[in-house]
PDB file of N, CA and C in Angstrom:
ATOM      1  N   MET A   1     -69.449  27.527  22.559  1.00  0.00           N
ATOM      2  CA  MET A   1     -69.076  26.438  21.835  1.00  0.00           C
ATOM      3  C   MET A   1     -70.371  26.372  20.627  1.00  0.00           C
ATOM      4  N   ASN A   2     -69.491  25.953  19.634  1.00  0.00           N
ATOM      5  CA  ASN A   2     -70.519  25.756  18.598  1.00  0.00           C
ATOM      6  C   ASN A   2     -70.311  24.121  18.389  1.00  0.00           C
ATOM      7  N   GLY A   3     -69.888  22.973  19.086  1.00  0.00           N
ATOM      8  CA  GLY A   3     -69.618  21.755  18.671  1.00  0.00           C
ATOM      9  C   GLY A   3     -68.029  21.841  17.998  1.00  0.00           C
ATOM     10  N   GLU A   4     -67.619  22.637  17.794  1.00  0.00           N
ATOM     11  CA  GLU A   4     -66.075  22.238  16.932  1.00  0.00           C
ATOM     12  C   GLU A   4     -65.005  22.174  18.092  1.00  0.00           C
ATOM     13  N   VAL A   5     -64.168  21.245  17.408  1.00  0.00           N
ATOM     14  CA  VAL A   5     -62.860  20.989  18.284  1.00  0.00           C
ATOM     15  C   VAL A   5     -61.705  21.798  18.146  1.00  0.00           C
ATOM     16  N   GLN A   6     -60.923  22.845  18.368  1.00  0.00           N
ATOM     17  CA  GLN A   6     -59.722  23.113  17.856  1.00  0.00           C
ATOM     18  C   GLN A   6     -58.520  23.514  18.993  1.00  0.00           C
ATOM     19  N   PHE A   7     -57.681  22.724  18.297  1.00  0.00           N
ATOM     20  CA  PHE A   7     -56.459  22.237  18.929  1.00  0.00           C
ATOM     21  C   PHE A   7     -55.395  23.774  18.437  1.00  0.00           C
ATOM     22  N   GLN A   8     -54.496  23.889  20.068  1.00  0.00           N
ATOM     23  CA  GLN A   8     -53.779  24.586  19.735  1.00  0.00           C
ATOM     24  C   GLN A   8     -52.186  24.496  19.427  1.00  0.00           C
ATOM     25  N   GLU A   9     -52.208  23.494  18.072  1.00  0.00           N
ATOM     26  CA  GLU A   9     -50.824  23.072  17.563  1.00  0.00           C
ATOM     27  C   GLU A   9     -50.987  23.285  16.231  1.00  0.00           C
ATOM     28  N   GLN A  10     -49.756  23.616  16.062  1.00  0.00           N
ATOM     29  CA  GLN A  10     -49.336  23.670  14.606  1.00  0.00           C
ATOM     30  C   GLN A  10     -48.353  22.873  14.123  1.00  0.00           C
ATOM     31  N   TRP A  11     -48.915  22.805  12.393  1.00  0.00           N
ATOM     32  CA  TRP A  11     -48.420  21.660  11.929  1.00  0.00           C
ATOM     33  C   TRP A  11     -46.770  22.015  11.567  1.00  0.00           C
ATOM     34  N   GLN A  12     -46.040  21.274  11.981  1.00  0.00           N
ATOM     35  CA  GLN A  12     -44.551  21.181  11.478  1.00  0.00           C
ATOM     36  C   GLN A  12     -44.435  19.961  10.635  1.00  0.00           C
ATOM     37  N   PRO A  13     -43.629  20.209   9.450  1.00  0.00           N
ATOM     38  CA  PRO A  13     -43.076  18.943   8.722  1.00  0.00           C
ATOM     39  C   PRO A  13     -41.977  17.998   9.350  1.00  0.00           C
ATOM     40  N   GLN A  14     -41.656  16.866   9.197  1.00  0.00           N
ATOM     41  CA  GLN A  14     -40.787  16.150  10.172  1.00  0.00           C
ATOM     42  C   GLN A  14     -39.932  15.605   9.186  1.00  0.00           C
ATOM     43  N   GLN A  15     -38.479  15.807   9.808  1.00  0.00           N
ATOM     44  CA  GLN A  15     -37.183  15.763   9.086  1.00  0.00           C
ATOM     45  C   GLN A  15     -36.796  14.502   9.010  1.00  0.00           C
ATOM     46  N   ARG A  16     -36.862  13.698   7.475  1.00  0.00           N
ATOM     47  CA  ARG A  16     -36.736  12.597   7.826  1.00  0.00           C
ATOM     48  C   ARG A  16     -35.253  12.527   7.459  1.00  0.00           C
ATOM     49  N   ILE A  17     -34.366  11.925   8.232  1.00  0.00           N
ATOM     50  CA  ILE A  17     -33.738  10.870   8.344  1.00  0.00           C
ATOM     51  C   ILE A  17     -32.767  10.303   6.910  1.00  0.00           C
ATOM     52  N   PRO A  18     -32.905  10.292   5.544  1.00  0.00           N
ATOM     53  CA  PRO A  18     -32.071   9.469   4.870  1.00  0.00           C
ATOM     54  C   PRO A  18     -31.406   8.136   5.181  1.00  0.00           C
ATOM     55  N   LYS A  19     -32.290   6.439   5.416  1.00  0.00           N
ATOM     56  CA  LYS A  19     -31.499   5.390   5.649  1.00  0.00           C
ATOM     57  C   LYS A  19     -30.632   5.275   4.669  1.00  0.00           C
ATOM     58  N   LYS A  20     -29.462   4.671   5.516  1.00  0.00           N
ATOM     59  CA  LYS A  20     -28.090   4.758   5.246  1.00  0.00           C
ATOM     60  C   LYS A  20     -28.402   3.537   4.271  1.00  0.00           C
ATOM     61  N   THR A  21     -27.753   2.336   2.817  1.00  0.00           N
ATOM     62  CA  THR A  21     -27.322   1.483   2.274  1.00  0.00           C
ATOM     63  C   THR A  21     -26.210   0.729   2.636  1.00  0.00           C
ATOM     64  N   TRP A  22     -26.720  -0.488   2.554  1.00  0.00           N
ATOM     65  CA  TRP A  22     -25.806  -1.571   3.012  1.00  0.00           C
ATOM     66  C   TRP A  22     -24.122  -0.945   2.831  1.00  0.00           C
ATOM     67  N   GLY A  23     -24.475  -0.459   1.631  1.00  0.00           N
ATOM     68  CA  GLY A  23     -22.944  -0.243   0.842  1.00  0.00           C
ATOM     69  C   GLY A  23     -22.477   1.332   2.105  1.00  0.00           C
ATOM     70  N   GLU A  24     -23.514   1.922   2.182  1.00  0.00           N
ATOM     71  CA  GLU A  24     -22.554   2.978   2.615  1.00  0.00           C
ATOM     72  C   GLU A  24     -21.897   2.080   4.175  1.00  0.00           C
ATOM     73  N   ARG A  25     -22.977   1.572   4.754  1.00  0.00           N
ATOM     74  CA  ARG A  25     -22.782   1.374   6.200  1.00  0.00           C
ATOM     75  C   ARG A  25     -21.483  -0.077   5.877  1.00  0.00           C
ATOM     76  N   LEU A  26     -21.091  -0.736   4.941  1.00  0.00           N
ATOM     77  CA  LEU A  26     -19.788  -1.323   4.674  1.00  0.00           C
ATOM     78  C   LEU A  26     -18.927  -0.606   4.901  1.00  0.00           C
ATOM     79  N   ALA A  27     -19.335   0.756   3.986  1.00  0.00           N
ATOM     80  CA  ALA A  27     -18.121   1.812   3.987  1.00  0.00           C
ATOM     81  C   ALA A  27     -17.553   2.606   5.478  1.00  0.00           C
ATOM     82  N   ASP A  28     -18.864   2.187   6.157  1.00  0.00           N
ATOM     83  CA  ASP A  28     -18.512   3.218   7.625  1.00  0.00           C
ATOM     84  C   ASP A  28     -17.570   1.621   8.802  1.00  0.00           C
ATOM     85  N   PHE A  29     -18.142   0.873   8.221  1.00  0.00           N
ATOM     86  CA  PHE A  29     -17.481  -0.220   8.746  1.00  0.00           C
ATOM     87  C   PHE A  29     -15.972  -0.170   8.583  1.00  0.00           C
ATOM     88  N   LEU A  30     -15.440  -0.443   7.415  1.00  0.00           N
ATOM     89  CA  LEU A  30     -14.293  -0.595   6.937  1.00  0.00           C
ATOM     90  C   LEU A  30     -13.739   0.727   7.680  1.00  0.00           C
ATOM     91  N   VAL A  31     -13.662   1.880   7.755  1.00  0.00           N
ATOM     92  CA  VAL A  31     -13.283   3.245   7.960  1.00  0.00           C
ATOM     93  C   VAL A  31     -13.231   2.773   9.247  1.00  0.00           C
ATOM     94  N   LYS A  32     -13.961   2.627  10.440  1.00  0.00           N
ATOM     95  CA  LYS A  32     -13.896   2.285  11.823  1.00  0.00           C
ATOM     96  C   LYS A  32     -13.135   1.457  12.324  1.00  0.00           C
ATOM     97  N   TYR A  33     -13.022   0.210  11.195  1.00  0.00           N
ATOM     98  CA  TYR A  33     -12.169  -0.854  11.960  1.00  0.00           C
ATOM     99  C   TYR A  33     -11.280  -0.994  10.961  1.00  0.00           C
ATOM    100  N   SER A  34     -10.612  -0.124  10.561  1.00  0.00           N
ATOM    101  CA  SER A  34      -9.323  -0.541   9.296  1.00  0.00           C
ATOM    102  C   SER A  34      -8.082  -0.188  10.445  1.00  0.00           C
ATOM    103  N   GLY A  35      -8.503   0.338  12.016  1.00  0.00           N
ATOM    104  CA  GLY A  35      -7.318   1.234  12.165  1.00  0.00           C
ATOM    105  C   GLY A  35      -6.420   1.645  11.835  1.00  0.00           C
ATOM    106  N   GLY A  36      -7.223   2.356  11.039  1.00  0.00           N
ATOM    107  CA  GLY A  36      -6.614   3.941  10.653  1.00  0.00           C
ATOM    108  C   GLY A  36      -6.142   3.716   8.906  1.00  0.00           C
ATOM    109  N   LEU A  37      -5.797   2.707   9.134  1.00  0.00           N
ATOM    110  CA  LEU A  37      -5.669   2.218   7.382  1.00  0.00           C
ATOM    111  C   LEU A  37      -6.480   2.807   6.095  1.00  0.00           C
ATOM    112  N   ILE A  38      -8.007   2.867   6.364  1.00  0.00           N
ATOM    113  CA  ILE A  38      -8.767   3.552   5.615  1.00  0.00           C
ATOM    114  C   ILE A  38      -9.214   4.618   5.995  1.00  0.00           C
ATOM    115  N   LYS A  39      -9.144   6.069   5.443  1.00  0.00           N
ATOM    116  CA  LYS A  39      -9.489   7.322   6.145  1.00  0.00           C
ATOM    117  C   LYS A  39     -10.847   7.594   5.667  1.00  0.00           C
ATOM    118  N   ASP A  40     -11.589   7.607   4.855  1.00  0.00           N
ATOM    119  CA  ASP A  40     -12.800   7.955   4.339  1.00  0.00           C
ATOM    120  C   ASP A  40     -13.662   6.963   3.558  1.00  0.00           C
ATOM    121  N   GLU A  41     -14.721   7.135   3.277  1.00  0.00           N
ATOM    122  CA  GLU A  41     -15.687   5.932   2.366  1.00  0.00           C
ATOM    123  C   GLU A  41     -15.734   6.125   1.020  1.00  0.00           C
ATOM    124  N   ASN A  42     -14.453   7.172   0.117  1.00  0.00           N
ATOM    125  CA  ASN A  42     -13.866   6.798  -0.750  1.00  0.00           C
ATOM    126  C   ASN A  42     -12.903   5.979  -1.135  1.00  0.00           C
ATOM    127  N   GLN A  43     -12.149   5.637   0.146  1.00  0.00           N
ATOM    128  CA  GLN A  43     -10.906   4.909   0.292  1.00  0.00           C
ATOM    129  C   GLN A  43     -11.426   3.422   0.005  1.00  0.00           C
ATOM    130  N   ALA A  44     -12.622   3.695   1.105  1.00  0.00           N
ATOM    131  CA  ALA A  44     -13.585   2.055   1.444  1.00  0.00           C
ATOM    132  C   ALA A  44     -13.778   1.479   0.034  1.00  0.00           C
ATOM    133  N   ALA A  45     -14.620   2.141  -0.554  1.00  0.00           N
ATOM    134  CA  ALA A  45     -15.129   2.041  -2.048  1.00  0.00           C
ATOM    135  C   ALA A  45     -13.832   1.336  -2.646  1.00  0.00           C
ATOM    136  N   TYR A  46     -12.765   1.886  -2.645  1.00  0.00           N
ATOM    137  CA  TYR A  46     -11.707   0.955  -3.287  1.00  0.00           C
ATOM    138  C   TYR A  46     -11.109  -0.283  -3.162  1.00  0.00           C
ATOM    139  N   VAL A  47     -11.287  -0.140  -1.535  1.00  0.00           N
ATOM    140  CA  VAL A  47     -10.895  -1.627  -1.028  1.00  0.00           C
ATOM    141  C   VAL A  47     -12.257  -2.151  -1.503  1.00  0.00           C
ATOM    142  N   ILE A  48     -13.168  -2.275  -1.202  1.00  0.00           N
ATOM    143  CA  ILE A  48     -14.366  -3.283  -1.919  1.00  0.00           C
ATOM    144  C   ILE A  48     -14.199  -3.835  -2.726  1.00  0.00           C
ATOM    145  N   LEU A  49     -14.065  -2.485  -3.894  1.00  0.00           N
ATOM    146  CA  LEU A  49     -13.425  -2.650  -5.093  1.00  0.00           C
ATOM    147  C   LEU A  49     -12.751  -3.972  -5.532  1.00  0.00           C
ATOM    148  N   GLY A  50     -11.764  -3.391  -4.873  1.00  0.00           N
ATOM    149  CA  GLY A  50     -10.799  -4.537  -4.840  1.00  0.00           C
ATOM    150  C   GLY A  50     -10.945  -6.190  -4.332  1.00  0.00           C
ATOM    151  N   PHE A  51     -11.372  -6.210  -3.240  1.00  0.00           N
ATOM    152  CA  PHE A  51     -11.761  -7.293  -3.001  1.00  0.00           C
ATOM    153  C   PHE A  51     -12.869  -7.951  -4.114  1.00  0.00           C
ATOM    154  N   VAL A  52     -13.841  -7.414  -4.668  1.00  0.00           N
ATOM    155  CA  VAL A  52     -14.852  -7.963  -5.386  1.00  0.00           C
ATOM    156  C   VAL A  52     -14.080  -8.564  -6.457  1.00  0.00           C
ATOM    157  N   ALA A  53     -12.861  -7.832  -6.801  1.00  0.00           N
ATOM    158  CA  ALA A  53     -12.093  -7.950  -8.270  1.00  0.00           C
ATOM    159  C   ALA A  53     -11.135  -9.311  -7.852  1.00  0.00           C
ATOM    160  N   VAL A  54     -10.837  -9.555  -6.673  1.00  0.00           N
ATOM    161  CA  VAL A  54      -9.885 -10.607  -6.078  1.00  0.00           C
ATOM    162  C   VAL A  54     -11.112 -12.393  -6.012  1.00  0.00           C
ATOM    163  N   ALA A  55     -12.189 -11.841  -5.576  1.00  0.00           N
ATOM    164  CA  ALA A  55     -13.258 -12.620  -5.576  1.00  0.00           C
ATOM    165  C   ALA A  55     -13.474 -13.327  -6.874  1.00  0.00           C
ATOM    166  N   ILE A  56     -13.473 -12.770  -7.613  1.00  0.00           N
ATOM    167  CA  ILE A  56     -14.050 -13.127  -9.170  1.00  0.00           C
ATOM    168  C   ILE A  56     -13.012 -13.506  -9.866  1.00  0.00           C
ATOM    169  N   ILE A  57     -11.726 -13.252  -9.800  1.00  0.00           N
ATOM    170  CA  ILE A  57     -10.642 -13.501 -10.462  1.00  0.00           C
ATOM    171  C   ILE A  57     -10.759 -14.927  -9.809  1.00  0.00           C
ATOM    172  N   ILE A  58     -10.592 -15.223  -8.246  1.00  0.00           N
ATOM    173  CA  ILE A  58      -9.972 -16.373  -7.584  1.00  0.00           C
ATOM    174  C   ILE A  58     -11.989 -17.501  -8.400  1.00  0.00           C
ATOM    175  N   SER A  59     -12.844 -17.045  -8.240  1.00  0.00           N
ATOM    176  CA  SER A  59     -13.663 -18.068  -8.767  1.00  0.00           C
ATOM    177  C   SER A  59     -13.814 -18.245 -10.187  1.00  0.00           C
ATOM    178  N   LEU A  60     -13.274 -17.053 -10.897  1.00  0.00           N
ATOM    179  CA  LEU A  60     -13.250 -17.876 -12.314  1.00  0.00           C
ATOM    180  C   LEU A  60     -11.997 -19.029 -12.704  1.00  0.00           C
ATOM    181  N   PHE A  61     -10.524 -18.745 -11.718  1.00  0.00           N
ATOM    182  CA  PHE A  61      -9.655 -19.524 -12.021  1.00  0.00           C
ATOM    183  C   PHE A  61     -10.339 -20.975 -11.309  1.00  0.00           C
ATOM    184  N   LEU A  62     -11.391 -21.149 -10.188  1.00  0.00           N
ATOM    185  CA  LEU A  62     -11.584 -21.990  -9.784  1.00  0.00           C
ATOM    186  C   LEU A  62     -12.439 -23.077 -10.478  1.00  0.00           C
ATOM    187  N   PHE A  63     -13.141 -22.369 -11.274  1.00  0.00           N
ATOM    188  CA  PHE A  63     -14.085 -22.601 -12.260  1.00  0.00           C
ATOM    189  C   PHE A  63     -13.541 -23.239 -13.703  1.00  0.00           C
ATOM    190  N   PHE A  64     -12.666 -22.350 -14.069  1.00  0.00           N
ATOM    191  CA  PHE A  64     -12.338 -22.813 -15.209  1.00  0.00           C
ATOM    192  C   PHE A  64     -10.865 -23.915 -15.487  1.00  0.00           C
ATOM    193  N   GLY A  65     -10.021 -23.757 -14.371  1.00  0.00           N
ATOM    194  CA  GLY A  65      -8.750 -24.304 -14.593  1.00  0.00           C
ATOM    195  C   GLY A  65      -8.048 -24.451 -13.058  1.00  0.00           C
ATOM    196  N   GLY A  66      -9.211 -25.138 -12.083  1.00  0.00           N
ATOM    197  CA  GLY A  66      -8.844 -25.080 -10.594  1.00  0.00           C
ATOM    198  C   GLY A  66      -8.739 -26.549 -10.787  1.00  0.00           C
ATOM    199  N   SER A  67      -8.789 -27.842 -11.227  1.00  0.00           N
ATOM    200  CA  SER A  67      -8.963 -28.947 -11.178  1.00  0.00           C
ATOM    201  C   SER A  67      -7.521 -29.782 -11.429  1.00  0.00           C
ATOM    202  N   GLY A  68      -6.523 -29.121 -12.171  1.00  0.00           N
ATOM    203  CA  GLY A  68      -5.189 -29.478 -12.202  1.00  0.00           C
ATOM    204  C   GLY A  68      -5.259 -30.431 -13.672  1.00  0.00           C
ATOM    205  N   GLY A  69      -5.970 -30.071 -14.847  1.00  0.00           N
ATOM    206  CA  GLY A  69      -5.709 -30.715 -16.042  1.00  0.00           C
ATOM    207  C   GLY A  69      -7.023 -31.660 -15.943  1.00  0.00           C
ATOM    208  N   GLY A  70      -6.847 -32.021 -16.913  1.00  0.00           N
ATOM    209  CA  GLY A  70      -7.867 -33.107 -17.455  1.00  0.00           C
ATOM    210  C   GLY A  70      -8.098 -34.676 -16.669  1.00  0.00           C
ATOM    211  N   ARG A  71      -6.968 -35.177 -16.648  1.00  0.00           N
ATOM    212  CA  ARG A  71      -7.200 -36.421 -16.502  1.00  0.00           C
ATOM    213  C   ARG A  71      -5.997 -36.519 -14.884  1.00  0.00           C
ATOM    214  N   PRO A  72      -6.882 -37.352 -13.888  1.00  0.00           N
ATOM    215  CA  PRO A  72      -5.830 -37.301 -12.599  1.00  0.00           C
ATOM    216  C   PRO A  72      -4.489 -38.325 -13.322  1.00  0.00           C
ATOM    217  N   LYS A  73      -3.614 -37.571 -12.188  1.00  0.00           N
ATOM    218  CA  LYS A  73      -2.490 -38.528 -11.952  1.00  0.00           C
ATOM    219  C   LYS A  73      -2.214 -39.627 -11.455  1.00  0.00           C
ATOM    220  N   LEU A  74      -1.601 -41.143 -12.638  1.00  0.00           N
ATOM    221  CA  LEU A  74      -1.492 -42.126 -12.064  1.00  0.00           C
ATOM    222  C   LEU A  74      -0.082 -42.391 -11.157  1.00  0.00           C
ATOM    223  N   PRO A  75      -0.136 -43.131 -10.205  1.00  0.00           N
ATOM    224  CA  PRO A  75       1.168 -43.404  -9.143  1.00  0.00           C
ATOM    225  C   PRO A  75       2.011 -44.243 -10.227  1.00  0.00           C
ATOM    226  N   PRO A  76       3.555 -44.340 -10.430  1.00  0.00           N
ATOM    227  CA  PRO A  76       4.594 -45.272 -11.043  1.00  0.00           C
ATOM    228  C   PRO A  76       3.871 -46.667 -11.098  1.00  0.00           C
ATOM    229  N   ASP A  77       3.498 -47.470 -10.435  1.00  0.00           N
ATOM    230  CA  ASP A  77       3.345 -48.152 -10.515  1.00  0.00           C
ATOM    231  C   ASP A  77       2.037 -48.781 -11.131  1.00  0.00           C
ATOM    232  N   LEU A  78       0.937 -47.840 -11.790  1.00  0.00           N
ATOM    233  CA  LEU A  78      -0.218 -48.101 -11.913  1.00  0.00           C
ATOM    234  C   LEU A  78      -0.274 -47.827 -13.353  1.00  0.00           C
ATOM    235  N   THR A  79       0.758 -47.093 -14.298  1.00  0.00           N
ATOM    236  CA  THR A  79       0.834 -46.543 -15.225  1.00  0.00           C
ATOM    237  C   THR A  79       0.503 -47.403 -16.140  1.00  0.00           C
ATOM    238  N   PRO A  80      -0.274 -47.451 -17.125  1.00  0.00           N
ATOM    239  CA  PRO A  80      -0.422 -47.841 -18.679  1.00  0.00           C
ATOM    240  C   PRO A  80       0.557 -48.745 -19.401  1.00  0.00           C
ATOM    241  N   PRO A  81       0.780 -50.063 -19.832  1.00  0.00           N
ATOM    242  CA  PRO A  81       2.095 -50.574 -20.516  1.00  0.00           C
ATOM    243  C   PRO A  81       2.306 -49.627 -21.606  1.00  0.00           C
ATOM    244  N   THR A  82       3.649 -49.095 -22.672  1.00  0.00           N
ATOM    245  CA  THR A  82       3.604 -48.481 -23.578  1.00  0.00           C
ATOM    246  C   THR A  82       3.716 -49.557 -24.587  1.00  0.00           C
ATOM    247  N   THR A  83       3.489 -51.055 -24.721  1.00  0.00           N
ATOM    248  CA  THR A  83       3.678 -51.902 -25.773  1.00  0.00           C
ATOM    249  C   THR A  83       1.881 -52.627 -25.712  1.00  0.00           C
ATOM    250  N   PRO A  84       1.725 -52.752 -27.128  1.00  0.00           N
ATOM    251  CA  PRO A  84       0.379 -53.471 -26.751  1.00  0.00           C
ATOM    252  C   PRO A  84       0.543 -54.829 -26.410  1.00  0.00           C
ATOM    253  N   ILE A  85      -0.475 -55.367 -25.575  1.00  0.00           N
ATOM    254  CA  ILE A  85      -0.616 -56.584 -25.329  1.00  0.00           C
ATOM    255  C   ILE A  85      -1.079 -57.198 -26.682  1.00  0.00           C
ATOM    256  N   GLN A  86      -0.358 -58.950 -26.672  1.00  0.00           N
ATOM    257  CA  GLN A  86      -1.104 -59.365 -27.629  1.00  0.00           C
ATOM    258  C   GLN A  86      -1.397 -60.840 -27.445  1.00  0.00           C
TER     259      GLN A  86
END
């Protein structure tokens, strides 16, 4: 021996499994727990897109027109007089 260490192993590249994104995991969750209504990831993507669209519409309604008008409604006994007071 001349002081070198030799190993009997052969180098093999590791197989890297790509990690799923959160969207893919959400689609898998919907397919798994939909009770058979959603059959694949493509349908799950449409369901997610529809949910996002409904959420945006509701939030826009609440932001722009959800207050029910400009002024609060007064009860009939508290309405301002129609004739000016002199």
